[in-house]
Amino acid sequence: MRNRGTPWTRPGNLVGNGPFTLAEWTPHARVAVVKNPRYWNAAATQ
């Protein structure tokens, strides 16, 4: 809340409110997100 660049945005730490959640972040290779079952309209996410 008071600092930038902390590990809260890493897989296992990041909590979002969007349709997907962070599953993997391999630097210079890939970032993978998976369907968020708690999203308010998850039933429509294909």
All heavy atoms as atom14 arrays in JSON, in Angstrom:
{
  "sequence": "MRNRGTPWTRPGNLVGNGPFTLAEWTPHARVAVVKNPRYWNAAATQ",
  "atom14_mask": [
    [1, 1, 1, 1, 1, 1, 1, 1, 0, 0, 0, 0, 0, 0],
    [1, 1, 1, 1, 1, 1, 1, 1, 1, 1, 1, 0, 0, 0],
    [1, 1, 1, 1, 1, 1, 1, 1, 0, 0, 0, 0, 0, 0],
    [1, 1, 1, 1, 1, 1, 1, 1, 1, 1, 1, 0, 0, 0],
    [1, 1, 1, 1, 0, 0, 0, 0, 0, 0, 0, 0, 0, 0],
    [1, 1, 1, 1, 1, 1, 1, 0, 0, 0, 0, 0, 0, 0],
    [1, 1, 1, 1, 1, 1, 1, 0, 0, 0, 0, 0, 0, 0],
    [1, 1, 1, 1, 1, 1, 1, 1, 1, 1, 1, 1, 1, 1],
    [1, 1, 1, 1, 1, 1, 1, 0, 0, 0, 0, 0, 0, 0],
    [1, 1, 1, 1, 1, 1, 1, 1, 1, 1, 1, 0, 0, 0],
    [1, 1, 1, 1, 1, 1, 1, 0, 0, 0, 0, 0, 0, 0],
    [1, 1, 1, 1, 0, 0, 0, 0, 0, 0, 0, 0, 0, 0],
    [1, 1, 1, 1, 1, 1, 1, 1, 0, 0, 0, 0, 0, 0],
    [1, 1, 1, 1, 1, 1, 1, 1, 0, 0, 0, 0, 0, 0],
    [1, 1, 1, 1, 1, 1, 1, 0, 0, 0, 0, 0, 0, 0],
    [1, 1, 1, 1, 0, 0, 0, 0, 0, 0, 0, 0, 0, 0],
    [1, 1, 1, 1, 1, 1, 1, 1, 0, 0, 0, 0, 0, 0],
    [1, 1, 1, 1, 0, 0, 0, 0, 0, 0, 0, 0, 0, 0],
    [1, 1, 1, 1, 1, 1, 1, 0, 0, 0, 0, 0, 0, 0],
    [1, 1, 1, 1, 1, 1, 1, 1, 1, 1, 1, 0, 0, 0],
    [1, 1, 1, 1, 1, 1, 1, 0, 0, 0, 0, 0, 0, 0],
    [1, 1, 1, 1, 1, 1, 1, 1, 0, 0, 0, 0, 0, 0],
    [1, 1, 1, 1, 1, 0, 0, 0, 0, 0, 0, 0, 0, 0],
    [1, 1, 1, 1, 1, 1, 1, 1, 1, 0, 0, 0, 0, 0],
    [1, 1, 1, 1, 1, 1, 1, 1, 1, 1, 1, 1, 1, 1],
    [1, 1, 1, 1, 1, 1, 1, 0, 0, 0, 0, 0, 0, 0],
    [1, 1, 1, 1, 1, 1, 1, 0, 0, 0, 0, 0, 0, 0],
    [1, 1, 1, 1, 1, 1, 1, 1, 1, 1, 0, 0, 0, 0],
    [1, 1, 1, 1, 1, 0, 0, 0, 0, 0, 0, 0, 0, 0],
    [1, 1, 1, 1, 1, 1, 1, 1, 1, 1, 1, 0, 0, 0],
    [1, 1, 1, 1, 1, 1, 1, 0, 0, 0, 0, 0, 0, 0],
    [1, 1, 1, 1, 1, 0, 0, 0, 0, 0, 0, 0, 0, 0],
    [1, 1, 1, 1, 1, 1, 1, 0, 0, 0, 0, 0, 0, 0],
    [1, 1, 1, 1, 1, 1, 1, 0, 0, 0, 0, 0, 0, 0],
    [1, 1, 1, 1, 1, 1, 1, 1, 1, 0, 0, 0, 0, 0],
    [1, 1, 1, 1, 1, 1, 1, 1, 0, 0, 0, 0, 0, 0],
    [1, 1, 1, 1, 1, 1, 1, 0, 0, 0, 0, 0, 0, 0],
    [1, 1, 1, 1, 1, 1, 1, 1, 1, 1, 1, 0, 0, 0],
    [1, 1, 1, 1, 1, 1, 1, 1, 1, 1, 1, 1, 0, 0],
    [1, 1, 1, 1, 1, 1, 1, 1, 1, 1, 1, 1, 1, 1],
    [1, 1, 1, 1, 1, 1, 1, 1, 0, 0, 0, 0, 0, 0],
    [1, 1, 1, 1, 1, 0, 0, 0, 0, 0, 0, 0, 0, 0],
    [1, 1, 1, 1, 1, 0, 0, 0, 0, 0, 0, 0, 0, 0],
    [1, 1, 1, 1, 1, 0, 0, 0, 0, 0, 0, 0, 0, 0],
    [1, 1, 1, 1, 1, 1, 1, 0, 0, 0, 0, 0, 0, 0],
    [1, 1, 1, 1, 1, 1, 1, 1, 1, 0, 0, 0, 0, 0]
  ],
  "atom14_positions": [
    [[0.83, -1.2, 0.0], [0.0, 0.0, 0.0], [0.87, 1.25, 0.0], [0.45, 2.32, -0.44], [-0.93, 0.01, 1.21], [-2.04, -1.03, 1.16], [-3.18, -0.81, -0.24], [-4.08, 0.66, 0.26], [0.0, 0.0, 0.0], [0.0, 0.0, 0.0], [0.0, 0.0, 0.0], [0.0, 0.0, 0.0], [0.0, 0.0, 0.0], [0.0, 0.0, 0.0]],
    [[2.11, 1.11, 0.48], [3.01, 2.26, 0.59], [4.23, 2.15, -0.33], [5.01, 3.11, -0.41], [3.49, 2.4, 2.04], [2.41, 2.86, 3.0], [2.77, 2.6, 4.44], [2.82, 1.17, 4.73], [1.76, 0.42, 5.0], [0.56, 0.98, 5.02], [1.88, -0.86, 5.24], [0.0, 0.0, 0.0], [0.0, 0.0, 0.0], [0.0, 0.0, 0.0]],
    [[4.38, 1.0, -0.99], [5.59, 0.79, -1.79], [5.27, 0.15, -3.13], [4.32, -0.64, -3.25], [6.59, -0.1, -1.02], [7.09, 0.56, 0.24], [7.87, 1.5, 0.2], [6.62, 0.08, 1.39], [0.0, 0.0, 0.0], [0.0, 0.0, 0.0], [0.0, 0.0, 0.0], [0.0, 0.0, 0.0], [0.0, 0.0, 0.0], [0.0, 0.0, 0.0]],
    [[6.08, 0.46, -4.12], [5.96, -0.15, -5.44], [6.93, -1.32, -5.55], [7.89, -1.44, -4.79], [6.31, 0.88, -6.52], [5.49, 2.12, -6.47], [6.04, 3.23, -7.35], [6.03, 2.9, -8.77], [6.17, 3.8, -9.73], [6.31, 5.08, -9.43], [6.14, 3.44, -10.99], [0.0, 0.0, 0.0], [0.0, 0.0, 0.0], [0.0, 0.0, 0.0]],
    [[6.69, -2.17, -6.54], [7.65, -3.21, -6.87], [7.75, -4.34, -5.86], [8.75, -5.05, -5.81], [0.0, 0.0, 0.0], [0.0, 0.0, 0.0], [0.0, 0.0, 0.0], [0.0, 0.0, 0.0], [0.0, 0.0, 0.0], [0.0, 0.0, 0.0], [0.0, 0.0, 0.0], [0.0, 0.0, 0.0], [0.0, 0.0, 0.0], [0.0, 0.0, 0.0]],
    [[6.72, -4.54, -5.05], [6.73, -5.65, -4.09], [6.19, -6.91, -4.78], [5.55, -6.83, -5.84], [5.87, -5.33, -2.86], [4.5, -5.34, -3.24], [6.24, -3.97, -2.27], [0.0, 0.0, 0.0], [0.0, 0.0, 0.0], [0.0, 0.0, 0.0], [0.0, 0.0, 0.0], [0.0, 0.0, 0.0], [0.0, 0.0, 0.0], [0.0, 0.0, 0.0]],
    [[6.41, -8.1, -4.2], [6.0, -9.34, -4.87], [4.51, -9.65, -4.82], [4.1, -10.77, -5.13], [6.81, -10.41, -4.14], [7.11, -9.85, -2.81], [7.26, -8.37, -3.02], [0.0, 0.0, 0.0], [0.0, 0.0, 0.0], [0.0, 0.0, 0.0], [0.0, 0.0, 0.0], [0.0, 0.0, 0.0], [0.0, 0.0, 0.0], [0.0, 0.0, 0.0]],
    [[3.66, -8.69, -4.47], [2.24, -8.99, -4.43], [1.68, -9.31, -5.81], [0.63, -9.97, -5.9], [1.46, -7.84, -3.79], [1.04, -6.71, -4.69], [1.74, -5.57, -4.94], [-0.18, -6.61, -5.44], [1.04, -4.77, -5.81], [-0.14, -5.37, -6.13], [-1.3, -7.43, -5.6], [-1.17, -4.94, -6.97], [-2.34, -7.01, -6.44], [-2.27, -5.79, -7.11]],
    [[2.37, -8.91, -6.87], [1.87, -9.16, -8.22], [2.39, -10.47, -8.82], [2.26, -10.7, -10.02], [2.25, -8.0, -9.16], [3.68, -7.82, -9.13], [1.58, -6.71, -8.73], [0.0, 0.0, 0.0], [0.0, 0.0, 0.0], [0.0, 0.0, 0.0], [0.0, 0.0, 0.0], [0.0, 0.0, 0.0], [0.0, 0.0, 0.0], [0.0, 0.0, 0.0]],
    [[2.96, -11.33, -8.0], [3.49, -12.61, -8.48], [2.45, -13.73, -8.32], [1.53, -13.63, -7.49], [4.77, -12.97, -7.72], [5.89, -11.97, -7.99], [6.39, -12.07, -9.42], [7.12, -10.89, -9.85], [7.78, -10.79, -11.01], [7.77, -11.82, -11.85], [8.39, -9.68, -11.34], [0.0, 0.0, 0.0], [0.0, 0.0, 0.0], [0.0, 0.0, 0.0]],
    [[2.59, -14.79, -9.1], [1.64, -15.92, -8.97], [1.6, -16.44, -7.54], [2.64, -16.55, -6.87], [2.23, -16.96, -9.92], [2.99, -16.17, -10.94], [3.58, -15.02, -10.18], [0.0, 0.0, 0.0], [0.0, 0.0, 0.0], [0.0, 0.0, 0.0], [0.0, 0.0, 0.0], [0.0, 0.0, 0.0], [0.0, 0.0, 0.0], [0.0, 0.0, 0.0]],
    [[0.41, -16.72, -7.09], [0.22, -17.17, -5.72], [-0.04, -16.03, -4.75], [-0.58, -16.26, -3.66], [0.0, 0.0, 0.0], [0.0, 0.0, 0.0], [0.0, 0.0, 0.0], [0.0, 0.0, 0.0], [0.0, 0.0, 0.0], [0.0, 0.0, 0.0], [0.0, 0.0, 0.0], [0.0, 0.0, 0.0], [0.0, 0.0, 0.0], [0.0, 0.0, 0.0]],
    [[0.36, -14.82, -5.12], [0.15, -13.64, -4.28], [-0.93, -12.73, -4.83], [-1.72, -12.15, -4.07], [1.45, -12.82, -4.16], [2.59, -13.61, -3.53], [2.35, -14.59, -2.83], [3.82, -13.2, -3.79], [0.0, 0.0, 0.0], [0.0, 0.0, 0.0], [0.0, 0.0, 0.0], [0.0, 0.0, 0.0], [0.0, 0.0, 0.0], [0.0, 0.0, 0.0]],
    [[-0.96, -12.56, -6.15], [-1.86, -11.6, -6.77], [-3.32, -12.02, -6.59], [-3.69, -13.15, -6.9], [-1.53, -11.41, -8.25], [-2.28, -10.29, -8.96], [-1.39, -9.63, -10.02], [-3.57, -10.77, -9.64], [0.0, 0.0, 0.0], [0.0, 0.0, 0.0], [0.0, 0.0, 0.0], [0.0, 0.0, 0.0], [0.0, 0.0, 0.0], [0.0, 0.0, 0.0]],
    [[-4.12, -11.1, -6.12], [-5.56, -11.28, -6.01], [-6.22, -10.18, -6.83], [-5.97, -9.0, -6.61], [-6.02, -11.2, -4.54], [-7.54, -11.18, -4.44], [-5.45, -12.38, -3.75], [0.0, 0.0, 0.0], [0.0, 0.0, 0.0], [0.0, 0.0, 0.0], [0.0, 0.0, 0.0], [0.0, 0.0, 0.0], [0.0, 0.0, 0.0], [0.0, 0.0, 0.0]],
    [[-7.04, -10.57, -7.8], [-7.71, -9.6, -8.66], [-9.2, -9.78, -8.63], [-9.73, -10.7, -7.99], [0.0, 0.0, 0.0], [0.0, 0.0, 0.0], [0.0, 0.0, 0.0], [0.0, 0.0, 0.0], [0.0, 0.0, 0.0], [0.0, 0.0, 0.0], [0.0, 0.0, 0.0], [0.0, 0.0, 0.0], [0.0, 0.0, 0.0], [0.0, 0.0, 0.0]],
    [[-9.89, -8.9, -9.34], [-11.35, -9.0, -9.43], [-11.8, -9.2, -10.86], [-12.99, -9.03, -11.17], [-12.02, -7.75, -8.84], [-11.83, -6.52, -9.72], [-10.74, -6.29, -10.25], [-12.87, -5.71, -9.89], [0.0, 0.0, 0.0], [0.0, 0.0, 0.0], [0.0, 0.0, 0.0], [0.0, 0.0, 0.0], [0.0, 0.0, 0.0], [0.0, 0.0, 0.0]],
    [[-10.87, -9.54, -11.76], [-11.19, -9.7, -13.17], [-11.61, -11.11, -13.53], [-11.7, -12.0, -12.68], [0.0, 0.0, 0.0], [0.0, 0.0, 0.0], [0.0, 0.0, 0.0], [0.0, 0.0, 0.0], [0.0, 0.0, 0.0], [0.0, 0.0, 0.0], [0.0, 0.0, 0.0], [0.0, 0.0, 0.0], [0.0, 0.0, 0.0], [0.0, 0.0, 0.0]],
    [[-11.84, -11.36, -14.82], [-12.33, -12.67, -15.26], [-11.28, -13.77, -15.22], [-11.63, -14.94, -15.37], [-12.81, -12.4, -16.69], [-12.01, -11.22, -17.14], [-11.81, -10.38, -15.92], [0.0, 0.0, 0.0], [0.0, 0.0, 0.0], [0.0, 0.0, 0.0], [0.0, 0.0, 0.0], [0.0, 0.0, 0.0], [0.0, 0.0, 0.0], [0.0, 0.0, 0.0]],
    [[-10.01, -13.41, -15.0], [-8.95, -14.41, -14.95], [-8.03, -14.13, -13.76], [-8.01, -13.02, -13.22], [-8.12, -14.39, -16.25], [-8.91, -14.81, -17.46], [-9.66, -13.89, -18.18], [-8.93, -16.14, -17.88], [-10.41, -14.26, -19.29], [-9.67, -16.53, -18.98], [-10.42, -15.59, -19.69], [0.0, 0.0, 0.0], [0.0, 0.0, 0.0], [0.0, 0.0, 0.0]],
    [[-7.3, -15.15, -13.34], [-6.34, -15.01, -12.26], [-4.96, -15.41, -12.76], [-4.82, -16.18, -13.72], [-6.72, -15.89, -11.05], [-6.72, -17.27, -11.45], [-8.08, -15.52, -10.52], [0.0, 0.0, 0.0], [0.0, 0.0, 0.0], [0.0, 0.0, 0.0], [0.0, 0.0, 0.0], [0.0, 0.0, 0.0], [0.0, 0.0, 0.0], [0.0, 0.0, 0.0]],
    [[-3.93, -14.92, -12.1], [-2.55, -15.15, -12.52], [-2.09, -16.54, -12.1], [-2.09, -16.88, -10.93], [-1.63, -14.08, -11.92], [-0.17, -14.12, -12.35], [-0.03, -13.85, -13.85], [0.64, -13.09, -11.55], [0.0, 0.0, 0.0], [0.0, 0.0, 0.0], [0.0, 0.0, 0.0], [0.0, 0.0, 0.0], [0.0, 0.0, 0.0], [0.0, 0.0, 0.0]],
    [[-1.68, -17.36, -13.08], [-1.24, -18.72, -12.8], [0.27, -18.88, -12.96], [0.88, -19.71, -12.27], [-1.95, -19.7, -13.74], [0.0, 0.0, 0.0], [0.0, 0.0, 0.0], [0.0, 0.0, 0.0], [0.0, 0.0, 0.0], [0.0, 0.0, 0.0], [0.0, 0.0, 0.0], [0.0, 0.0, 0.0], [0.0, 0.0, 0.0], [0.0, 0.0, 0.0]],
    [[0.88, -18.13, -13.87], [2.3, -18.3, -14.16], [2.88, -16.99, -14.68], [2.23, -16.27, -15.43], [2.5, -19.4, -15.22], [3.94, -19.61, -15.66], [4.07, -20.54, -16.86], [3.06, -21.21, -17.19], [5.15, -20.58, -17.47], [0.0, 0.0, 0.0], [0.0, 0.0, 0.0], [0.0, 0.0, 0.0], [0.0, 0.0, 0.0], [0.0, 0.0, 0.0]],
    [[4.09, -16.69, -14.25], [4.86, -15.58, -14.83], [6.31, -16.02, -14.9], [7.05, -15.94, -13.93], [4.7, -14.32, -13.99], [5.39, -13.1, -14.58], [6.21, -13.05, -15.68], [5.3, -11.76, -14.08], [6.63, -11.76, -15.9], [6.09, -10.95, -14.95], [4.64, -11.17, -13.01], [6.24, -9.57, -14.73], [4.79, -9.8, -12.81], [5.58, -9.03, -13.66]],
    [[6.68, -16.55, -16.03], [8.06, -16.95, -16.28], [8.71, -15.84, -17.09], [8.38, -15.64, -18.26], [8.12, -18.27, -17.07], [7.4, -19.28, -16.34], [9.56, -18.71, -17.27], [0.0, 0.0, 0.0], [0.0, 0.0, 0.0], [0.0, 0.0, 0.0], [0.0, 0.0, 0.0], [0.0, 0.0, 0.0], [0.0, 0.0, 0.0], [0.0, 0.0, 0.0]],
    [[9.64, -15.07, -16.49], [10.2, -13.9, -17.17], [10.77, -14.24, -18.55], [11.45, -15.25, -18.74], [11.3, -13.44, -16.21], [10.83, -13.89, -14.86], [10.17, -15.21, -15.11], [0.0, 0.0, 0.0], [0.0, 0.0, 0.0], [0.0, 0.0, 0.0], [0.0, 0.0, 0.0], [0.0, 0.0, 0.0], [0.0, 0.0, 0.0], [0.0, 0.0, 0.0]],
    [[10.42, -13.38, -19.51], [10.88, -13.48, -20.89], [10.43, -14.77, -21.58], [11.01, -15.16, -22.58], [12.4, -13.34, -20.97], [12.91, -12.08, -20.33], [12.75, -10.84, -20.89], [13.55, -11.89, -19.14], [13.28, -9.93, -20.1], [13.77, -10.53, -19.03], [0.0, 0.0, 0.0], [0.0, 0.0, 0.0], [0.0, 0.0, 0.0], [0.0, 0.0, 0.0]],
    [[9.41, -15.41, -21.03], [8.89, -16.63, -21.65], [7.38, -16.57, -21.8], [6.86, -16.65, -22.91], [9.29, -17.86, -20.83], [0.0, 0.0, 0.0], [0.0, 0.0, 0.0], [0.0, 0.0, 0.0], [0.0, 0.0, 0.0], [0.0, 0.0, 0.0], [0.0, 0.0, 0.0], [0.0, 0.0, 0.0], [0.0, 0.0, 0.0], [0.0, 0.0, 0.0]],
    [[6.64, -16.41, -20.69], [5.19, -16.36, -20.78], [4.57, -15.84, -19.49], [5.17, -15.98, -18.4], [4.6, -17.73, -21.11], [4.35, -18.62, -19.9], [3.79, -19.97, -20.29], [4.82, -20.79, -20.9], [4.6, -21.7, -21.85], [3.38, -21.88, -22.3], [5.59, -22.41, -22.34], [0.0, 0.0, 0.0], [0.0, 0.0, 0.0], [0.0, 0.0, 0.0]],
    [[3.37, -15.28, -19.62], [2.49, -15.0, -18.5], [1.2, -15.74, -18.79], [0.62, -15.57, -19.87], [2.22, -13.48, -18.34], [1.17, -13.25, -17.26], [3.51, -12.74, -18.0], [0.0, 0.0, 0.0], [0.0, 0.0, 0.0], [0.0, 0.0, 0.0], [0.0, 0.0, 0.0], [0.0, 0.0, 0.0], [0.0, 0.0, 0.0], [0.0, 0.0, 0.0]],
    [[0.77, -16.58, -17.86], [-0.45, -17.37, -18.06], [-1.5, -16.98, -17.02], [-1.18, -16.81, -15.84], [-0.15, -18.86, -17.97], [0.0, 0.0, 0.0], [0.0, 0.0, 0.0], [0.0, 0.0, 0.0], [0.0, 0.0, 0.0], [0.0, 0.0, 0.0], [0.0, 0.0, 0.0], [0.0, 0.0, 0.0], [0.0, 0.0, 0.0], [0.0, 0.0, 0.0]],
    [[-2.73, -16.82, -17.49], [-3.86, -16.55, -16.6], [-4.91, -17.62, -16.82], [-5.04, -18.17, -17.92], [-4.44, -15.14, -16.85], [-3.38, -14.07, -16.65], [-5.04, -15.02, -18.25], [0.0, 0.0, 0.0], [0.0, 0.0, 0.0], [0.0, 0.0, 0.0], [0.0, 0.0, 0.0], [0.0, 0.0, 0.0], [0.0, 0.0, 0.0], [0.0, 0.0, 0.0]],
    [[-5.66, -17.94, -15.77], [-6.69, -18.97, -15.87], [-8.03, -18.39, -15.42], [-8.09, -17.39, -14.7], [-6.35, -20.21, -15.02], [-5.08, -20.88, -15.53], [-6.18, -19.83, -13.54], [0.0, 0.0, 0.0], [0.0, 0.0, 0.0], [0.0, 0.0, 0.0], [0.0, 0.0, 0.0], [0.0, 0.0, 0.0], [0.0, 0.0, 0.0], [0.0, 0.0, 0.0]],
    [[-9.09, -19.01, -15.86], [-10.43, -18.53, -15.57], [-10.65, -18.38, -14.07], [-10.32, -19.26, -13.27], [-11.45, -19.51, -16.15], [-12.9, -19.12, -15.96], [-13.83, -20.11, -16.65], [-15.29, -19.78, -16.44], [-16.18, -20.73, -17.16], [0.0, 0.0, 0.0], [0.0, 0.0, 0.0], [0.0, 0.0, 0.0], [0.0, 0.0, 0.0], [0.0, 0.0, 0.0]],
    [[-11.24, -17.25, -13.68], [-11.54, -16.96, -12.28], [-12.97, -17.4, -11.97], [-13.93, -16.76, -12.41], [-11.37, -15.46, -12.03], [-11.78, -15.05, -10.62], [-11.98, -15.89, -9.74], [-11.9, -13.74, -10.4], [0.0, 0.0, 0.0], [0.0, 0.0, 0.0], [0.0, 0.0, 0.0], [0.0, 0.0, 0.0], [0.0, 0.0, 0.0], [0.0, 0.0, 0.0]],
    [[-13.16, -18.48, -11.21], [-14.52, -18.96, -10.93], [-15.32, -18.01, -10.05], [-16.54, -18.13, -9.96], [-14.27, -20.3, -10.23], [-12.91, -20.16, -9.62], [-12.12, -19.3, -10.55], [0.0, 0.0, 0.0], [0.0, 0.0, 0.0], [0.0, 0.0, 0.0], [0.0, 0.0, 0.0], [0.0, 0.0, 0.0], [0.0, 0.0, 0.0], [0.0, 0.0, 0.0]],
    [[-14.63, -17.05, -9.41], [-15.33, -16.13, -8.51], [-15.7, -14.8, -9.19], [-16.27, -13.93, -8.55], [-14.49, -15.86, -7.27], [-14.3, -17.11, -6.38], [-13.65, -16.74, -5.06], [-13.63, -17.86, -4.14], [-12.6, -18.69, -3.99], [-11.5, -18.52, -4.73], [-12.65, -19.68, -3.13], [0.0, 0.0, 0.0], [0.0, 0.0, 0.0], [0.0, 0.0, 0.0]],
    [[-15.36, -14.67, -10.45], [-15.75, -13.47, -11.2], [-17.27, -13.41, -11.27], [-17.94, -14.45, -11.43], [-15.14, -13.51, -12.59], [-15.49, -12.35, -13.48], [-15.14, -11.05, -13.13], [-16.17, -12.55, -14.69], [-15.46, -9.98, -13.95], [-16.48, -11.48, -15.52], [-16.13, -10.2, -15.15], [-16.46, -9.14, -15.96], [0.0, 0.0, 0.0], [0.0, 0.0, 0.0]],
    [[-17.83, -12.2, -11.18], [-19.29, -12.06, -11.07], [-20.03, -12.65, -12.27], [-21.18, -13.05, -12.15], [-19.68, -10.6, -10.87], [-19.36, -9.69, -12.03], [-18.21, -8.97, -12.21], [-20.18, -9.43, -13.16], [-18.26, -8.27, -13.4], [-19.48, -8.53, -14.0], [-21.46, -9.86, -13.56], [-19.98, -8.05, -15.21], [-21.97, -9.38, -14.77], [-21.25, -8.49, -15.58]],
    [[-19.37, -12.72, -13.44], [-20.02, -13.28, -14.62], [-19.21, -14.44, -15.18], [-19.08, -14.6, -16.39], [-20.19, -12.18, -15.67], [-21.22, -12.55, -16.74], [-22.1, -13.37, -16.51], [-21.1, -11.95, -17.91], [0.0, 0.0, 0.0], [0.0, 0.0, 0.0], [0.0, 0.0, 0.0], [0.0, 0.0, 0.0], [0.0, 0.0, 0.0], [0.0, 0.0, 0.0]],
    [[-18.67, -15.26, -14.29], [-17.8, -16.37, -14.7], [-18.5, -17.35, -15.63], [-17.86, -17.95, -16.5], [-17.28, -17.11, -13.47], [0.0, 0.0, 0.0], [0.0, 0.0, 0.0], [0.0, 0.0, 0.0], [0.0, 0.0, 0.0], [0.0, 0.0, 0.0], [0.0, 0.0, 0.0], [0.0, 0.0, 0.0], [0.0, 0.0, 0.0], [0.0, 0.0, 0.0]],
    [[-19.81, -17.48, -15.49], [-20.55, -18.44, -16.33], [-20.46, -18.08, -17.8], [-20.58, -18.96, -18.67], [-22.0, -18.5, -15.88], [0.0, 0.0, 0.0], [0.0, 0.0, 0.0], [0.0, 0.0, 0.0], [0.0, 0.0, 0.0], [0.0, 0.0, 0.0], [0.0, 0.0, 0.0], [0.0, 0.0, 0.0], [0.0, 0.0, 0.0], [0.0, 0.0, 0.0]],
    [[-20.23, -16.8, -18.1], [-20.17, -16.37, -19.49], [-18.74, -16.39, -20.06], [-18.56, -16.2, -21.26], [-20.75, -14.96, -19.63], [0.0, 0.0, 0.0], [0.0, 0.0, 0.0], [0.0, 0.0, 0.0], [0.0, 0.0, 0.0], [0.0, 0.0, 0.0], [0.0, 0.0, 0.0], [0.0, 0.0, 0.0], [0.0, 0.0, 0.0], [0.0, 0.0, 0.0]],
    [[-17.75, -16.61, -19.22], [-16.36, -16.66, -19.68], [-16.11, -18.01, -20.32], [-16.22, -19.05, -19.66], [-15.39, -16.43, -18.51], [-15.69, -15.19, -17.87], [-13.95, -16.43, -18.99], [0.0, 0.0, 0.0], [0.0, 0.0, 0.0], [0.0, 0.0, 0.0], [0.0, 0.0, 0.0], [0.0, 0.0, 0.0], [0.0, 0.0, 0.0], [0.0, 0.0, 0.0]],
    [[-15.75, -18.01, -21.58], [-15.62, -19.27, -22.31], [-14.2, -19.82, -22.37], [-14.0, -21.01, -22.52], [-16.16, -19.08, -23.74], [-17.63, -18.7, -23.78], [-18.19, -18.69, -25.18], [-18.08, -19.66, -25.92], [-18.8, -17.58, -25.55], [0.0, 0.0, 0.0], [0.0, 0.0, 0.0], [0.0, 0.0, 0.0], [0.0, 0.0, 0.0], [0.0, 0.0, 0.0]]
  ]
}
